[in-house]
């Protein structure tokens, strides 16, 4: 009986350690994922803190991408959400002066391409890339 108690205590400690490790790993993953979005929002003239709030960050992403806000409902429908996510990523890509190739990168390797979008020299051209070139400072598209 004494051995059973030791095993139970050990199992409980192991479970607690696994939970703590999972929590730390989850937080690190969250920071890695949200960091570029924070600064992409800032590049687009939005408050960066909006990237930290689930669902709201998708609404802001739709706004930056030049897509209607009601598309948030379409993200709740399986299969349809994939199509509209690709369209949103394309709008985001075009909003920063990139093309379809960059959209493919955002779809297939989102974390890497979000970091590229944050750290490259591209500037925000308006929702869906509709901003007039004359509204931007000289050399902004180099």
C-alpha atoms as a PDB file:
ATOM      1  CA  UNK A   1       0.000   0.000   0.000  1.00  0.00           C
ATOM      2  CA  UNK A   2       2.865   2.325   0.729  1.00  0.00           C
ATOM      3  CA  UNK A   3       4.233   1.699  -2.762  1.00  0.00           C
ATOM      4  CA  UNK A   4       0.878   2.531  -4.304  1.00  0.00           C
ATOM      5  CA  UNK A   5       0.913   5.902  -2.600  1.00  0.00           C
ATOM      6  CA  UNK A   6       4.416   6.602  -3.924  1.00  0.00           C
ATOM      7  CA  UNK A   7       3.364   5.705  -7.463  1.00  0.00           C
ATOM      8  CA  UNK A   8       0.291   7.909  -7.226  1.00  0.00           C
ATOM      9  CA  UNK A   9       2.332  10.822  -5.876  1.00  0.00           C
ATOM     10  CA  UNK A  10       4.924  10.359  -8.609  1.00  0.00           C
ATOM     11  CA  UNK A  11       2.235  10.179 -11.282  1.00  0.00           C
ATOM     12  CA  UNK A  12       0.614  13.326  -9.928  1.00  0.00           C
ATOM     13  CA  UNK A  13       3.927  15.170  -9.905  1.00  0.00           C
ATOM     14  CA  UNK A  14       4.668  14.008 -13.439  1.00  0.00           C
ATOM     15  CA  UNK A  15       1.239  15.153 -14.599  1.00  0.00           C
ATOM     16  CA  UNK A  16       1.747  18.544 -12.982  1.00  0.00           C
ATOM     17  CA  UNK A  17       5.169  18.884 -14.593  1.00  0.00           C
ATOM     18  CA  UNK A  18       3.755  17.935 -17.982  1.00  0.00           C
ATOM     19  CA  UNK A  19       0.970  20.487 -17.581  1.00  0.00           C
ATOM     20  CA  UNK A  20       3.436  23.221 -16.615  1.00  0.00           C
ATOM     21  CA  UNK A  21       5.688  22.292 -19.540  1.00  0.00           C
ATOM     22  CA  UNK A  22       2.723  22.322 -21.900  1.00  0.00           C
ATOM     23  CA  UNK A  23       1.660  25.725 -20.631  1.00  0.00           C
ATOM     24  CA  UNK A  24       5.137  27.172 -21.130  1.00  0.00           C
ATOM     25  CA  UNK A  25       5.412  25.618 -24.608  1.00  0.00           C
ATOM     26  CA  UNK A  26       1.969  26.991 -25.487  1.00  0.00           C
ATOM     27  CA  UNK A  27       2.903  30.492 -24.356  1.00  0.00           C
ATOM     28  CA  UNK A  28       6.144  30.395 -26.358  1.00  0.00           C
ATOM     29  CA  UNK A  29       4.213  29.214 -29.419  1.00  0.00           C
ATOM     30  CA  UNK A  30       1.655  31.983 -28.934  1.00  0.00           C
ATOM     31  CA  UNK A  31       4.363  34.649 -28.717  1.00  0.00           C
ATOM     32  CA  UNK A  32       6.102  33.292 -31.828  1.00  0.00           C
ATOM     33  CA  UNK A  33       2.804  33.366 -33.751  1.00  0.00           C
ATOM     34  CA  UNK A  34       1.451  36.717 -32.549  1.00  0.00           C
ATOM     35  CA  UNK A  35       4.680  38.761 -32.659  1.00  0.00           C
ATOM     36  CA  UNK A  36       4.780  39.316 -36.433  1.00  0.00           C
ATOM     37  CA  UNK A  37       1.037  39.996 -36.567  1.00  0.00           C
ATOM     38  CA  UNK A  38       1.460  42.677 -33.892  1.00  0.00           C
ATOM     39  CA  UNK A  39       4.017  44.510 -36.014  1.00  0.00           C
ATOM     40  CA  UNK A  40       2.158  43.928 -39.294  1.00  0.00           C
ATOM     41  CA  UNK A  41      -0.835  45.660 -37.719  1.00  0.00           C
ATOM     42  CA  UNK A  42       1.471  48.491 -36.680  1.00  0.00           C
ATOM     43  CA  UNK A  43       2.844  48.765 -40.246  1.00  0.00           C
ATOM     44  CA  UNK A  44      -0.748  49.035 -41.472  1.00  0.00           C
ATOM     45  CA  UNK A  45      -1.548  51.864 -39.072  1.00  0.00           C
ATOM     46  CA  UNK A  46      -3.575  49.774 -36.634  1.00  0.00           C
ATOM     47  CA  UNK A  47      -2.880  49.403 -32.932  1.00  0.00           C
ATOM     48  CA  UNK A  48      -0.604  46.406 -32.437  1.00  0.00           C
ATOM     49  CA  UNK A  49      -2.357  45.234 -29.259  1.00  0.00           C
ATOM     50  CA  UNK A  50      -5.312  44.161 -31.409  1.00  0.00           C
ATOM     51  CA  UNK A  51      -3.243  41.177 -32.562  1.00  0.00           C
ATOM     52  CA  UNK A  52      -3.391  39.771 -29.028  1.00  0.00           C
ATOM     53  CA  UNK A  53      -7.184  39.345 -28.938  1.00  0.00           C
ATOM     54  CA  UNK A  54      -8.583  36.236 -30.641  1.00  0.00           C
ATOM     55  CA  UNK A  55     -11.392  36.804 -33.154  1.00  0.00           C
ATOM     56  CA  UNK A  56     -10.836  40.570 -33.013  1.00  0.00           C
ATOM     57  CA  UNK A  57      -7.431  40.095 -34.665  1.00  0.00           C
ATOM     58  CA  UNK A  58      -9.176  38.303 -37.533  1.00  0.00           C
ATOM     59  CA  UNK A  59     -11.578  41.227 -37.932  1.00  0.00           C
ATOM     60  CA  UNK A  60      -8.631  43.647 -38.071  1.00  0.00           C
ATOM     61  CA  UNK A  61      -6.853  41.353 -40.552  1.00  0.00           C
ATOM     62  CA  UNK A  62      -9.955  41.433 -42.764  1.00  0.00           C
ATOM     63  CA  UNK A  63      -9.982  45.234 -42.560  1.00  0.00           C
ATOM     64  CA  UNK A  64      -6.298  45.507 -43.488  1.00  0.00           C
ATOM     65  CA  UNK A  65      -6.801  43.017 -46.330  1.00  0.00           C
ATOM     66  CA  UNK A  66      -9.680  45.011 -47.770  1.00  0.00           C
ATOM     67  CA  UNK A  67     -12.229  42.283 -47.156  1.00  0.00           C
ATOM     68  CA  UNK A  68     -15.694  42.793 -45.645  1.00  0.00           C
ATOM     69  CA  UNK A  69     -15.959  42.241 -41.901  1.00  0.00           C
ATOM     70  CA  UNK A  70     -18.945  39.912 -42.302  1.00  0.00           C
ATOM     71  CA  UNK A  71     -16.512  37.332 -43.745  1.00  0.00           C
ATOM     72  CA  UNK A  72     -15.768  36.469 -40.107  1.00  0.00           C
ATOM     73  CA  UNK A  73     -18.933  34.333 -40.269  1.00  0.00           C
ATOM     74  CA  UNK A  74     -17.530  32.408 -43.229  1.00  0.00           C
ATOM     75  CA  UNK A  75     -14.516  31.412 -41.140  1.00  0.00           C
ATOM     76  CA  UNK A  76     -16.897  29.295 -39.026  1.00  0.00           C
ATOM     77  CA  UNK A  77     -17.908  27.054 -41.955  1.00  0.00           C
ATOM     78  CA  UNK A  78     -15.613  24.069 -42.582  1.00  0.00           C
ATOM     79  CA  UNK A  79     -13.933  23.949 -46.019  1.00  0.00           C
ATOM     80  CA  UNK A  80     -15.378  27.374 -46.883  1.00  0.00           C
ATOM     81  CA  UNK A  81     -13.094  28.884 -44.245  1.00  0.00           C
ATOM     82  CA  UNK A  82     -10.018  27.602 -46.093  1.00  0.00           C
ATOM     83  CA  UNK A  83     -11.069  29.328 -49.310  1.00  0.00           C
ATOM     84  CA  UNK A  84     -11.800  32.614 -47.569  1.00  0.00           C
ATOM     85  CA  UNK A  85      -8.579  32.445 -45.557  1.00  0.00           C
ATOM     86  CA  UNK A  86      -6.652  32.145 -48.832  1.00  0.00           C
ATOM     87  CA  UNK A  87      -8.568  35.136 -50.238  1.00  0.00           C
ATOM     88  CA  UNK A  88      -7.839  37.108 -47.061  1.00  0.00           C
ATOM     89  CA  UNK A  89      -4.138  36.222 -47.225  1.00  0.00           C
ATOM     90  CA  UNK A  90      -4.088  37.332 -50.867  1.00  0.00           C
ATOM     91  CA  UNK A  91      -5.664  40.647 -49.876  1.00  0.00           C
ATOM     92  CA  UNK A  92      -3.016  41.009 -47.154  1.00  0.00           C
ATOM     93  CA  UNK A  93      -0.267  40.196 -49.634  1.00  0.00           C
ATOM     94  CA  UNK A  94      -1.523  42.764 -52.134  1.00  0.00           C
ATOM     95  CA  UNK A  95      -2.013  45.337 -49.357  1.00  0.00           C
ATOM     96  CA  UNK A  96       1.741  45.262 -48.803  1.00  0.00           C
ATOM     97  CA  UNK A  97       2.691  45.219 -52.496  1.00  0.00           C
ATOM     98  CA  UNK A  98       3.288  41.506 -52.933  1.00  0.00           C
ATOM     99  CA  UNK A  99       1.671  39.140 -55.410  1.00  0.00           C
ATOM    100  CA  UNK A 100       0.231  35.669 -55.733  1.00  0.00           C
ATOM    101  CA  UNK A 101       3.561  33.956 -55.014  1.00  0.00           C
ATOM    102  CA  UNK A 102       3.703  35.616 -51.611  1.00  0.00           C
ATOM    103  CA  UNK A 103       0.115  34.517 -51.004  1.00  0.00           C
ATOM    104  CA  UNK A 104       1.164  30.913 -51.629  1.00  0.00           C
ATOM    105  CA  UNK A 105       3.914  31.396 -49.043  1.00  0.00           C
ATOM    106  CA  UNK A 106       1.429  32.810 -46.523  1.00  0.00           C
ATOM    107  CA  UNK A 107      -0.837  29.800 -47.055  1.00  0.00           C
ATOM    108  CA  UNK A 108       1.840  27.088 -46.939  1.00  0.00           C
ATOM    109  CA  UNK A 109       4.318  28.593 -44.429  1.00  0.00           C
ATOM    110  CA  UNK A 110       2.353  31.253 -42.569  1.00  0.00           C
ATOM    111  CA  UNK A 111       4.685  31.816 -39.606  1.00  0.00           C
ATOM    112  CA  UNK A 112       7.731  32.298 -41.844  1.00  0.00           C
ATOM    113  CA  UNK A 113       5.929  34.565 -44.312  1.00  0.00           C
ATOM    114  CA  UNK A 114       4.314  36.636 -41.562  1.00  0.00           C
ATOM    115  CA  UNK A 115       7.826  37.272 -40.237  1.00  0.00           C
ATOM    116  CA  UNK A 116       8.984  38.177 -43.757  1.00  0.00           C
ATOM    117  CA  UNK A 117       6.034  40.554 -44.136  1.00  0.00           C
ATOM    118  CA  UNK A 118       6.917  42.180 -40.813  1.00  0.00           C
ATOM    119  CA  UNK A 119      10.658  42.487 -41.420  1.00  0.00           C
ATOM    120  CA  UNK A 120      10.840  43.255 -45.148  1.00  0.00           C
ATOM    121  CA  UNK A 121      10.836  46.780 -46.511  1.00  0.00           C
ATOM    122  CA  UNK A 122       7.295  46.668 -47.873  1.00  0.00           C
ATOM    123  CA  UNK A 123       4.862  49.367 -46.852  1.00  0.00           C
ATOM    124  CA  UNK A 124       1.129  49.254 -46.428  1.00  0.00           C
ATOM    125  CA  UNK A 125      -0.656  50.434 -49.580  1.00  0.00           C
ATOM    126  CA  UNK A 126      -4.182  50.500 -48.223  1.00  0.00           C
ATOM    127  CA  UNK A 127      -6.863  47.854 -47.840  1.00  0.00           C
ATOM    128  CA  UNK A 128      -6.363  45.338 -50.619  1.00  0.00           C
ATOM    129  CA  UNK A 129      -3.595  47.488 -52.112  1.00  0.00           C
ATOM    130  CA  UNK A 130      -6.012  50.227 -53.180  1.00  0.00           C
ATOM    131  CA  UNK A 131      -4.010  53.148 -51.764  1.00  0.00           C
ATOM    132  CA  UNK A 132      -2.951  55.736 -54.303  1.00  0.00           C
ATOM    133  CA  UNK A 133       0.764  55.934 -54.988  1.00  0.00           C
ATOM    134  CA  UNK A 134       0.680  59.717 -54.638  1.00  0.00           C
ATOM    135  CA  UNK A 135      -0.441  59.327 -51.008  1.00  0.00           C
ATOM    136  CA  UNK A 136       2.795  57.575 -50.072  1.00  0.00           C
ATOM    137  CA  UNK A 137       6.181  59.131 -49.333  1.00  0.00           C
ATOM    138  CA  UNK A 138       8.797  59.087 -52.059  1.00  0.00           C
ATOM    139  CA  UNK A 139      10.761  55.849 -52.156  1.00  0.00           C
ATOM    140  CA  UNK A 140       8.170  53.922 -50.164  1.00  0.00           C
ATOM    141  CA  UNK A 141       7.942  51.203 -52.814  1.00  0.00           C
ATOM    142  CA  UNK A 142      11.624  50.605 -53.411  1.00  0.00           C
END
